PDB file of N, CA and C in Angstrom:
ATOM      1  N   MET A   1      -7.881 -12.011  16.138  1.00  0.00           N
ATOM      2  CA  MET A   1      -8.280 -10.838  15.383  1.00  0.00           C
ATOM      3  C   MET A   1      -8.352 -11.212  13.905  1.00  0.00           C
ATOM      4  N   VAL A   2      -9.387 -10.753  13.237  1.00  0.00           N
ATOM      5  CA  VAL A   2      -9.570 -11.004  11.817  1.00  0.00           C
ATOM      6  C   VAL A   2      -9.596  -9.661  11.104  1.00  0.00           C
ATOM      7  N   VAL A   3      -8.778  -9.522  10.039  1.00  0.00           N
ATOM      8  CA  VAL A   3      -8.743  -8.302   9.242  1.00  0.00           C
ATOM      9  C   VAL A   3      -9.166  -8.671   7.831  1.00  0.00           C
ATOM     10  N   LEU A   4     -10.230  -8.052   7.359  1.00  0.00           N
ATOM     11  CA  LEU A   4     -10.689  -8.269   5.992  1.00  0.00           C
ATOM     12  C   LEU A   4     -10.030  -7.244   5.097  1.00  0.00           C
ATOM     13  N   THR A   5      -9.512  -7.685   3.966  1.00  0.00           N
ATOM     14  CA  THR A   5      -8.814  -6.776   3.060  1.00  0.00           C
ATOM     15  C   THR A   5      -8.995  -7.237   1.626  1.00  0.00           C
ATOM     16  N   ASN A   6      -8.790  -6.317   0.717  1.00  0.00           N
ATOM     17  CA  ASN A   6      -8.779  -6.677  -0.694  1.00  0.00           C
ATOM     18  C   ASN A   6      -7.357  -6.637  -1.235  1.00  0.00           C
ATOM     19  N   GLY A   7      -6.384  -6.432  -0.352  1.00  0.00           N
ATOM     20  CA  GLY A   7      -4.979  -6.412  -0.748  1.00  0.00           C
ATOM     21  C   GLY A   7      -4.366  -7.802  -0.708  1.00  0.00           C
ATOM     22  N   PRO A   8      -3.151  -7.932  -1.227  1.00  0.00           N
ATOM     23  CA  PRO A   8      -2.490  -9.235  -1.182  1.00  0.00           C
ATOM     24  C   PRO A   8      -2.151  -9.604   0.259  1.00  0.00           C
ATOM     25  N   VAL A   9      -2.219 -10.879   0.553  1.00  0.00           N
ATOM     26  CA  VAL A   9      -1.997 -11.328   1.921  1.00  0.00           C
ATOM     27  C   VAL A   9      -0.641 -12.002   2.108  1.00  0.00           C
ATOM     28  N   ASN A  10       0.276 -11.769   1.185  1.00  0.00           N
ATOM     29  CA  ASN A  10       1.622 -12.309   1.356  1.00  0.00           C
ATOM     30  C   ASN A  10       2.276 -11.717   2.595  1.00  0.00           C
ATOM     31  N   LYS A  11       2.041 -10.406   2.820  1.00  0.00           N
ATOM     32  CA  LYS A  11       2.552  -9.719   3.996  1.00  0.00           C
ATOM     33  C   LYS A  11       1.373  -9.005   4.668  1.00  0.00           C
ATOM     34  N   PRO A  12       0.614  -9.730   5.479  1.00  0.00           N
ATOM     35  CA  PRO A  12      -0.626  -9.167   6.021  1.00  0.00           C
ATOM     36  C   PRO A  12      -0.411  -7.953   6.920  1.00  0.00           C
ATOM     37  N   LEU A  13       0.692  -7.897   7.644  1.00  0.00           N
ATOM     38  CA  LEU A  13       0.920  -6.743   8.516  1.00  0.00           C
ATOM     39  C   LEU A  13       1.158  -5.467   7.713  1.00  0.00           C
ATOM     40  N   ARG A  14       1.741  -5.603   6.558  1.00  0.00           N
ATOM     41  CA  ARG A  14       1.955  -4.434   5.692  1.00  0.00           C
ATOM     42  C   ARG A  14       0.606  -3.879   5.220  1.00  0.00           C
ATOM     43  N   VAL A  15      -0.292  -4.748   4.842  1.00  0.00           N
ATOM     44  CA  VAL A  15      -1.633  -4.330   4.429  1.00  0.00           C
ATOM     45  C   VAL A  15      -2.359  -3.683   5.601  1.00  0.00           C
ATOM     46  N   TYR A  16      -2.233  -4.278   6.772  1.00  0.00           N
ATOM     47  CA  TYR A  16      -2.880  -3.734   7.972  1.00  0.00           C
ATOM     48  C   TYR A  16      -2.345  -2.337   8.293  1.00  0.00           C
ATOM     49  N   ASP A  17      -1.047  -2.142   8.206  1.00  0.00           N
ATOM     50  CA  ASP A  17      -0.461  -0.826   8.476  1.00  0.00           C
ATOM     51  C   ASP A  17      -0.929   0.212   7.463  1.00  0.00           C
ATOM     52  N   GLY A  18      -1.108  -0.196   6.216  1.00  0.00           N
ATOM     53  CA  GLY A  18      -1.619   0.720   5.195  1.00  0.00           C
ATOM     54  C   GLY A  18      -3.030   1.190   5.504  1.00  0.00           C
ATOM     55  N   TYR A  19      -3.866   0.284   5.969  1.00  0.00           N
ATOM     56  CA  TYR A  19      -5.227   0.652   6.341  1.00  0.00           C
ATOM     57  C   TYR A  19      -5.248   1.488   7.612  1.00  0.00           C
ATOM     58  N   ASP A  20      -4.272   1.287   8.487  1.00  0.00           N
ATOM     59  CA  ASP A  20      -4.199   2.065   9.715  1.00  0.00           C
ATOM     60  C   ASP A  20      -4.004   3.545   9.394  1.00  0.00           C
ATOM     61  N   ALA A  21      -3.106   3.859   8.466  1.00  0.00           N
ATOM     62  CA  ALA A  21      -2.890   5.257   8.070  1.00  0.00           C
ATOM     63  C   ALA A  21      -4.145   5.834   7.422  1.00  0.00           C
ATOM     64  N   ARG A  22      -4.802   5.041   6.615  1.00  0.00           N
ATOM     65  CA  ARG A  22      -6.011   5.505   5.948  1.00  0.00           C
ATOM     66  C   ARG A  22      -7.119   5.804   6.954  1.00  0.00           C
ATOM     67  N   SER A  23      -7.257   4.945   7.953  1.00  0.00           N
ATOM     68  CA  SER A  23      -8.300   5.165   8.942  1.00  0.00           C
ATOM     69  C   SER A  23      -8.026   6.417   9.767  1.00  0.00           C
ATOM     70  N   GLU A  24      -6.753   6.727  10.021  1.00  0.00           N
ATOM     71  CA  GLU A  24      -6.425   7.959  10.743  1.00  0.00           C
ATOM     72  C   GLU A  24      -6.864   9.181   9.939  1.00  0.00           C
ATOM     73  N   ILE A  25      -6.641   9.160   8.637  1.00  0.00           N
ATOM     74  CA  ILE A  25      -7.040  10.279   7.784  1.00  0.00           C
ATOM     75  C   ILE A  25      -8.553  10.411   7.780  1.00  0.00           C
ATOM     76  N   GLU A  26      -9.248   9.304   7.562  1.00  0.00           N
ATOM     77  CA  GLU A  26     -10.704   9.363   7.466  1.00  0.00           C
ATOM     78  C   GLU A  26     -11.345   9.735   8.795  1.00  0.00           C
ATOM     79  N   ASN A  27     -10.876   9.154   9.870  1.00  0.00           N
ATOM     80  CA  ASN A  27     -11.528   9.370  11.156  1.00  0.00           C
ATOM     81  C   ASN A  27     -11.108  10.664  11.835  1.00  0.00           C
ATOM     82  N   ALA A  28      -9.846  11.019  11.750  1.00  0.00           N
ATOM     83  CA  ALA A  28      -9.369  12.209  12.453  1.00  0.00           C
ATOM     84  C   ALA A  28      -9.508  13.464  11.594  1.00  0.00           C
ATOM     85  N   LEU A  29      -8.907  13.452  10.430  1.00  0.00           N
ATOM     86  CA  LEU A  29      -8.864  14.656   9.602  1.00  0.00           C
ATOM     87  C   LEU A  29     -10.235  15.069   9.114  1.00  0.00           C
ATOM     88  N   PHE A  30     -10.998  14.140   8.557  1.00  0.00           N
ATOM     89  CA  PHE A  30     -12.308  14.487   8.026  1.00  0.00           C
ATOM     90  C   PHE A  30     -13.273  14.891   9.137  1.00  0.00           C
ATOM     91  N   ARG A  31     -13.234  14.167  10.247  1.00  0.00           N
ATOM     92  CA  ARG A  31     -14.124  14.497  11.353  1.00  0.00           C
ATOM     93  C   ARG A  31     -13.790  15.879  11.916  1.00  0.00           C
ATOM     94  N   GLU A  32     -12.498  16.170  12.093  1.00  0.00           N
ATOM     95  CA  GLU A  32     -12.104  17.473  12.626  1.00  0.00           C
ATOM     96  C   GLU A  32     -12.480  18.602  11.676  1.00  0.00           C
ATOM     97  N   SER A  33     -12.327  18.380  10.378  1.00  0.00           N
ATOM     98  CA  SER A  33     -12.670  19.441   9.432  1.00  0.00           C
ATOM     99  C   SER A  33     -14.183  19.656   9.381  1.00  0.00           C
ATOM    100  N   LYS A  34     -14.962  18.595   9.517  1.00  0.00           N
ATOM    101  CA  LYS A  34     -16.415  18.748   9.557  1.00  0.00           C
ATOM    102  C   LYS A  34     -16.847  19.532  10.786  1.00  0.00           C
ATOM    103  N   GLN A  35     -16.241  19.231  11.932  1.00  0.00           N
ATOM    104  CA  GLN A  35     -16.613  19.922  13.156  1.00  0.00           C
ATOM    105  C   GLN A  35     -16.194  21.381  13.122  1.00  0.00           C
ATOM    106  N   ALA A  36     -15.038  21.675  12.557  1.00  0.00           N
ATOM    107  CA  ALA A  36     -14.564  23.054  12.492  1.00  0.00           C
ATOM    108  C   ALA A  36     -15.430  23.914  11.583  1.00  0.00           C
ATOM    109  N   TRP A  37     -15.981  23.301  10.544  1.00  0.00           N
ATOM    110  CA  TRP A  37     -16.814  24.048   9.601  1.00  0.00           C
ATOM    111  C   TRP A  37     -18.298  23.873   9.894  1.00  0.00           C
ATOM    112  N   PHE A  38     -18.639  23.183  10.978  1.00  0.00           N
ATOM    113  CA  PHE A  38     -20.024  22.963  11.398  1.00  0.00           C
ATOM    114  C   PHE A  38     -20.855  22.306  10.294  1.00  0.00           C
ATOM    115  N   ILE A  39     -20.273  21.303   9.649  1.00  0.00           N
ATOM    116  CA  ILE A  39     -20.977  20.572   8.594  1.00  0.00           C
ATOM    117  C   ILE A  39     -21.778  19.464   9.246  1.00  0.00           C
ATOM    118  N   GLN A  40     -23.094  19.550   9.176  1.00  0.00           N
ATOM    119  CA  GLN A  40     -23.960  18.561   9.811  1.00  0.00           C
ATOM    120  C   GLN A  40     -24.233  17.368   8.899  1.00  0.00           C
ATOM    121  N   ARG A  41     -24.336  17.615   7.609  1.00  0.00           N
ATOM    122  CA  ARG A  41     -24.643  16.539   6.671  1.00  0.00           C
ATOM    123  C   ARG A  41     -24.002  16.887   5.327  1.00  0.00           C
ATOM    124  N   PRO A  42     -23.741  15.902   4.477  1.00  0.00           N
ATOM    125  CA  PRO A  42     -23.180  16.201   3.163  1.00  0.00           C
ATOM    126  C   PRO A  42     -24.187  16.936   2.285  1.00  0.00           C
ATOM    127  N   SER A  43     -23.673  17.618   1.291  1.00  0.00           N
ATOM    128  CA  SER A  43     -24.563  18.370   0.400  1.00  0.00           C
ATOM    129  C   SER A  43     -25.460  17.427  -0.396  1.00  0.00           C
ATOM    130  N   GLN A  44     -26.557  17.971  -0.877  1.00  0.00           N
ATOM    131  CA  GLN A  44     -27.497  17.182  -1.656  1.00  0.00           C
ATOM    132  C   GLN A  44     -26.897  16.819  -3.013  1.00  0.00           C
ATOM    133  N   ASN A  45     -27.262  15.680  -3.513  1.00  0.00           N
ATOM    134  CA  ASN A  45     -26.783  15.233  -4.809  1.00  0.00           C
ATOM    135  C   ASN A  45     -27.741  15.754  -5.883  1.00  0.00           C
ATOM    136  N   THR A  46     -27.663  17.064  -6.103  1.00  0.00           N
ATOM    137  CA  THR A  46     -28.527  17.704  -7.085  1.00  0.00           C
ATOM    138  C   THR A  46     -27.665  18.495  -8.054  1.00  0.00           C
ATOM    139  N   LYS A  47     -28.310  19.063  -9.058  1.00  0.00           N
ATOM    140  CA  LYS A  47     -27.599  19.850 -10.052  1.00  0.00           C
ATOM    141  C   LYS A  47     -26.954  21.087  -9.409  1.00  0.00           C
ATOM    142  N   SER A  48     -27.692  21.776  -8.558  1.00  0.00           N
ATOM    143  CA  SER A  48     -27.134  22.970  -7.920  1.00  0.00           C
ATOM    144  C   SER A  48     -26.046  22.594  -6.915  1.00  0.00           C
ATOM    145  N   GLY A  49     -26.184  21.475  -6.216  1.00  0.00           N
ATOM    146  CA  GLY A  49     -25.138  21.017  -5.310  1.00  0.00           C
ATOM    147  C   GLY A  49     -23.853  20.696  -6.052  1.00  0.00           C
ATOM    148  N   PHE A  50     -23.980  20.051  -7.193  1.00  0.00           N
ATOM    149  CA  PHE A  50     -22.812  19.755  -8.023  1.00  0.00           C
ATOM    150  C   PHE A  50     -22.158  21.047  -8.507  1.00  0.00           C
ATOM    151  N   ARG A  51     -22.975  22.008  -8.912  1.00  0.00           N
ATOM    152  CA  ARG A  51     -22.461  23.281  -9.408  1.00  0.00           C
ATOM    153  C   ARG A  51     -21.677  24.014  -8.310  1.00  0.00           C
ATOM    154  N   VAL A  52     -22.233  24.060  -7.103  1.00  0.00           N
ATOM    155  CA  VAL A  52     -21.551  24.726  -5.993  1.00  0.00           C
ATOM    156  C   VAL A  52     -20.246  24.015  -5.671  1.00  0.00           C
ATOM    157  N   HIS A  53     -20.266  22.686  -5.644  1.00  0.00           N
ATOM    158  CA  HIS A  53     -19.049  21.926  -5.368  1.00  0.00           C
ATOM    159  C   HIS A  53     -17.982  22.214  -6.425  1.00  0.00           C
ATOM    160  N   THR A  54     -18.385  22.275  -7.690  1.00  0.00           N
ATOM    161  CA  THR A  54     -17.445  22.559  -8.769  1.00  0.00           C
ATOM    162  C   THR A  54     -16.846  23.943  -8.618  1.00  0.00           C
ATOM    163  N   TYR A  55     -17.680  24.944  -8.344  1.00  0.00           N
ATOM    164  CA  TYR A  55     -17.172  26.310  -8.167  1.00  0.00           C
ATOM    165  C   TYR A  55     -16.217  26.416  -6.988  1.00  0.00           C
ATOM    166  N   LEU A  56     -16.554  25.782  -5.888  1.00  0.00           N
ATOM    167  CA  LEU A  56     -15.670  25.832  -4.723  1.00  0.00           C
ATOM    168  C   LEU A  56     -14.342  25.121  -4.988  1.00  0.00           C
ATOM    169  N   THR A  57     -14.394  24.023  -5.725  1.00  0.00           N
ATOM    170  CA  THR A  57     -13.159  23.315  -6.073  1.00  0.00           C
ATOM    171  C   THR A  57     -12.274  24.174  -6.961  1.00  0.00           C
ATOM    172  N   ILE A  58     -12.854  24.806  -7.979  1.00  0.00           N
ATOM    173  CA  ILE A  58     -12.082  25.672  -8.872  1.00  0.00           C
ATOM    174  C   ILE A  58     -11.528  26.873  -8.107  1.00  0.00           C
ATOM    175  N   LEU A  59     -12.332  27.454  -7.226  1.00  0.00           N
ATOM    176  CA  LEU A  59     -11.883  28.585  -6.424  1.00  0.00           C
ATOM    177  C   LEU A  59     -10.720  28.188  -5.520  1.00  0.00           C
ATOM    178  N   THR A  60     -10.819  27.029  -4.897  1.00  0.00           N
ATOM    179  CA  THR A  60      -9.739  26.555  -4.041  1.00  0.00           C
ATOM    180  C   THR A  60      -8.466  26.319  -4.838  1.00  0.00           C
ATOM    181  N   MET A  61      -8.595  25.732  -6.013  1.00  0.00           N
ATOM    182  CA  MET A  61      -7.420  25.510  -6.856  1.00  0.00           C
ATOM    183  C   MET A  61      -6.805  26.832  -7.285  1.00  0.00           C
ATOM    184  N   ALA A  62      -7.623  27.817  -7.627  1.00  0.00           N
ATOM    185  CA  ALA A  62      -7.110  29.118  -8.049  1.00  0.00           C
ATOM    186  C   ALA A  62      -6.400  29.823  -6.895  1.00  0.00           C
ATOM    187  N   LEU A  63      -6.987  29.768  -5.702  1.00  0.00           N
ATOM    188  CA  LEU A  63      -6.347  30.400  -4.546  1.00  0.00           C
ATOM    189  C   LEU A  63      -5.040  29.713  -4.182  1.00  0.00           C
ATOM    190  N   THR A  64      -4.998  28.395  -4.282  1.00  0.00           N
ATOM    191  CA  THR A  64      -3.778  27.659  -3.999  1.00  0.00           C
ATOM    192  C   THR A  64      -2.689  28.009  -5.006  1.00  0.00           C
ATOM    193  N   THR A  65      -3.043  28.078  -6.276  1.00  0.00           N
ATOM    194  CA  THR A  65      -2.087  28.441  -7.313  1.00  0.00           C
ATOM    195  C   THR A  65      -1.585  29.869  -7.115  1.00  0.00           C
ATOM    196  N   ALA A  66      -2.481  30.789  -6.796  1.00  0.00           N
ATOM    197  CA  ALA A  66      -2.083  32.177  -6.558  1.00  0.00           C
ATOM    198  C   ALA A  66      -1.143  32.270  -5.373  1.00  0.00           C
ATOM    199  N   TYR A  67      -1.424  31.535  -4.313  1.00  0.00           N
ATOM    200  CA  TYR A  67      -0.555  31.535  -3.135  1.00  0.00           C
ATOM    201  C   TYR A  67       0.821  30.972  -3.459  1.00  0.00           C
ATOM    202  N   GLN A  68       0.855  29.873  -4.215  1.00  0.00           N
ATOM    203  CA  GLN A  68       2.129  29.292  -4.588  1.00  0.00           C
ATOM    204  C   GLN A  68       2.945  30.250  -5.453  1.00  0.00           C
ATOM    205  N   ASP A  69       2.299  30.936  -6.398  1.00  0.00           N
ATOM    206  CA  ASP A  69       2.990  31.916  -7.229  1.00  0.00           C
ATOM    207  C   ASP A  69       3.490  33.090  -6.391  1.00  0.00           C
ATOM    208  N   TRP A  70       2.697  33.511  -5.422  1.00  0.00           N
ATOM    209  CA  TRP A  70       3.093  34.622  -4.553  1.00  0.00           C
ATOM    210  C   TRP A  70       4.297  34.233  -3.704  1.00  0.00           C
ATOM    211  N   MET A  71       4.327  32.972  -3.234  1.00  0.00           N
ATOM    212  CA  MET A  71       5.452  32.510  -2.412  1.00  0.00           C
ATOM    213  C   MET A  71       6.735  32.387  -3.228  1.00  0.00           C
ATOM    214  N   ASP A  72       6.608  32.081  -4.513  1.00  0.00           N
ATOM    215  CA  ASP A  72       7.796  31.982  -5.369  1.00  0.00           C
ATOM    216  C   ASP A  72       8.331  33.354  -5.668  1.00  0.00           C
TER     217      ASP A  72
END
């Protein structure tokens, strides 16, 4: 087995385990969230796409902050 990495190879199994966790996040979490929200393709890289992404990010941050304040 050959593992390509950009990390230090003093302890190759440690680097491999780090990538294993990352691949679980990318393959499981992102795929499941795309399927749950019926996302077929990423948004267009346009001015309006950027604007919508920015608004949704700010809205999510505001809702998260409001929820945290409510829980306190």
